[in-house]
N, C-alpha and C. Protein backbone atom coordinates (compact mmCIF):
# COMPACT_ATOMS: atom_id res chain seq x y z
N UNK A 1 79.42 113.31 12.42
CA UNK A 1 78.19 112.69 12.85
C UNK A 1 77.52 113.59 13.88
N UNK A 2 76.24 113.72 13.82
CA UNK A 2 75.50 114.53 14.78
C UNK A 2 74.42 113.68 15.43
N UNK A 3 74.15 113.98 16.69
CA UNK A 3 73.05 113.34 17.39
C UNK A 3 72.24 114.44 18.07
N UNK A 4 70.97 114.18 18.27
CA UNK A 4 70.12 115.14 18.97
C UNK A 4 70.42 115.09 20.46
N UNK A 5 70.57 116.25 21.05
CA UNK A 5 70.80 116.35 22.49
C UNK A 5 69.46 116.66 23.15
N UNK A 6 68.83 115.63 23.70
CA UNK A 6 67.53 115.79 24.35
C UNK A 6 67.54 115.06 25.68
N UNK A 7 66.59 115.39 26.51
CA UNK A 7 66.40 114.68 27.77
C UNK A 7 67.60 114.76 28.69
N UNK A 8 67.96 113.62 29.29
CA UNK A 8 69.06 113.56 30.26
C UNK A 8 70.39 113.94 29.64
N UNK A 9 70.60 113.56 28.38
CA UNK A 9 71.86 113.91 27.71
C UNK A 9 71.97 115.43 27.57
N UNK A 10 70.89 116.08 27.22
CA UNK A 10 70.89 117.53 27.11
C UNK A 10 71.22 118.18 28.45
N UNK A 11 70.61 117.68 29.51
CA UNK A 11 70.87 118.23 30.85
C UNK A 11 72.33 118.02 31.25
N UNK A 12 72.88 116.87 30.94
CA UNK A 12 74.29 116.59 31.25
C UNK A 12 75.21 117.56 30.52
N UNK A 13 74.98 117.75 29.24
CA UNK A 13 75.81 118.66 28.45
C UNK A 13 75.72 120.07 29.01
N UNK A 14 74.54 120.51 29.42
CA UNK A 14 74.38 121.85 29.99
C UNK A 14 75.17 121.98 31.29
N UNK A 15 75.15 120.93 32.14
CA UNK A 15 75.92 120.97 33.39
C UNK A 15 77.42 121.06 33.10
N UNK A 16 77.88 120.29 32.12
CA UNK A 16 79.30 120.32 31.76
C UNK A 16 79.69 121.71 31.26
N UNK A 17 78.88 122.27 30.38
CA UNK A 17 79.18 123.60 29.84
C UNK A 17 79.17 124.66 30.93
N UNK A 18 78.34 124.49 31.95
CA UNK A 18 78.28 125.49 33.03
C UNK A 18 79.56 125.53 33.84
N UNK A 19 80.39 124.48 33.73
CA UNK A 19 81.68 124.45 34.42
C UNK A 19 82.78 125.11 33.60
N UNK A 20 82.42 125.67 32.46
CA UNK A 20 83.41 126.35 31.64
C UNK A 20 84.09 125.44 30.63
N UNK A 21 83.62 124.23 30.50
CA UNK A 21 84.19 123.29 29.53
C UNK A 21 83.40 123.44 28.24
N UNK A 22 84.11 123.77 27.18
CA UNK A 22 83.45 123.92 25.88
C UNK A 22 84.20 123.12 24.84
N UNK A 23 83.50 122.70 23.82
CA UNK A 23 84.12 121.95 22.73
C UNK A 23 83.20 120.86 22.26
N UNK A 24 83.63 120.15 21.26
CA UNK A 24 82.82 119.10 20.66
C UNK A 24 83.15 117.72 21.22
N UNK A 25 84.18 117.61 22.02
CA UNK A 25 84.59 116.31 22.54
C UNK A 25 83.83 116.00 23.81
N UNK A 26 83.12 114.88 23.82
CA UNK A 26 82.37 114.48 25.01
C UNK A 26 83.24 113.61 25.91
N UNK A 27 83.97 112.67 25.33
CA UNK A 27 84.85 111.80 26.10
C UNK A 27 86.26 112.35 26.01
N UNK A 28 86.77 112.83 27.15
CA UNK A 28 88.08 113.47 27.16
C UNK A 28 88.89 113.00 28.36
N UNK A 29 90.20 113.18 28.26
CA UNK A 29 91.08 112.87 29.39
C UNK A 29 91.03 114.03 30.38
N UNK A 30 91.71 113.92 31.51
CA UNK A 30 91.65 115.00 32.51
C UNK A 30 92.13 116.36 32.01
N UNK A 31 92.91 116.38 30.94
CA UNK A 31 93.39 117.65 30.38
C UNK A 31 92.44 118.21 29.33
N UNK A 32 91.32 117.49 29.08
CA UNK A 32 90.35 117.94 28.10
C UNK A 32 90.64 117.51 26.68
N UNK A 33 91.64 116.66 26.51
CA UNK A 33 92.00 116.18 25.17
C UNK A 33 91.13 114.98 24.80
N UNK A 34 90.78 114.82 23.53
CA UNK A 34 89.98 113.68 23.11
C UNK A 34 90.67 112.36 23.50
N UNK A 35 89.86 111.39 23.90
CA UNK A 35 90.42 110.09 24.23
C UNK A 35 90.96 109.42 22.98
N UNK A 36 92.10 108.80 23.13
CA UNK A 36 92.70 108.05 22.03
C UNK A 36 92.73 106.58 22.44
N UNK A 37 92.59 105.72 21.48
CA UNK A 37 92.48 104.29 21.75
C UNK A 37 93.69 103.75 22.52
N UNK A 38 94.88 104.25 22.23
CA UNK A 38 96.07 103.65 22.81
C UNK A 38 96.76 104.53 23.84
N UNK A 39 96.03 105.41 24.50
CA UNK A 39 96.69 106.22 25.53
C UNK A 39 95.87 106.17 26.81
N UNK A 40 95.37 107.31 27.25
CA UNK A 40 94.69 107.43 28.53
C UNK A 40 93.54 106.43 28.68
N UNK A 41 92.69 106.34 27.68
CA UNK A 41 91.53 105.46 27.76
C UNK A 41 91.95 104.02 27.99
N UNK A 42 92.91 103.56 27.21
CA UNK A 42 93.36 102.17 27.33
C UNK A 42 93.97 101.91 28.71
N UNK A 43 94.80 102.83 29.19
CA UNK A 43 95.44 102.60 30.48
C UNK A 43 94.42 102.64 31.61
N UNK A 44 93.45 103.53 31.55
CA UNK A 44 92.43 103.60 32.59
C UNK A 44 91.49 102.40 32.55
N UNK A 45 91.17 101.93 31.34
CA UNK A 45 90.33 100.74 31.22
C UNK A 45 91.06 99.53 31.81
N UNK A 46 92.36 99.39 31.51
CA UNK A 46 93.14 98.29 32.06
C UNK A 46 93.19 98.37 33.58
N UNK A 47 93.39 99.56 34.12
CA UNK A 47 93.42 99.74 35.56
C UNK A 47 92.09 99.31 36.19
N UNK A 48 90.99 99.75 35.62
CA UNK A 48 89.66 99.38 36.14
C UNK A 48 89.44 97.88 36.04
N UNK A 49 89.83 97.29 34.93
CA UNK A 49 89.67 95.84 34.74
C UNK A 49 90.49 95.07 35.76
N UNK A 50 91.74 95.49 35.96
CA UNK A 50 92.61 94.81 36.93
C UNK A 50 92.05 94.91 38.36
N UNK A 51 91.51 96.07 38.70
CA UNK A 51 90.92 96.24 40.04
C UNK A 51 89.67 95.38 40.19
N UNK A 52 88.89 95.23 39.13
CA UNK A 52 87.68 94.42 39.20
C UNK A 52 87.98 92.95 39.36
N UNK A 53 89.14 92.51 38.90
CA UNK A 53 89.51 91.10 38.98
C UNK A 53 89.97 90.70 40.37
N UNK A 54 90.28 91.67 41.22
CA UNK A 54 90.77 91.35 42.57
C UNK A 54 89.69 90.79 43.45
């Protein structure tokens, strides 16, 4: 799937690339690996949800 990178999204992608990060994955874990439903993303979402409930 492809989307047009224009406006603020285009500027964001350019800033990310300027940090030396390259690849097709936009949502990644701290190691640059694609997010998977049952690993980093799920654990971080649960952590954020639990903190919000306090």
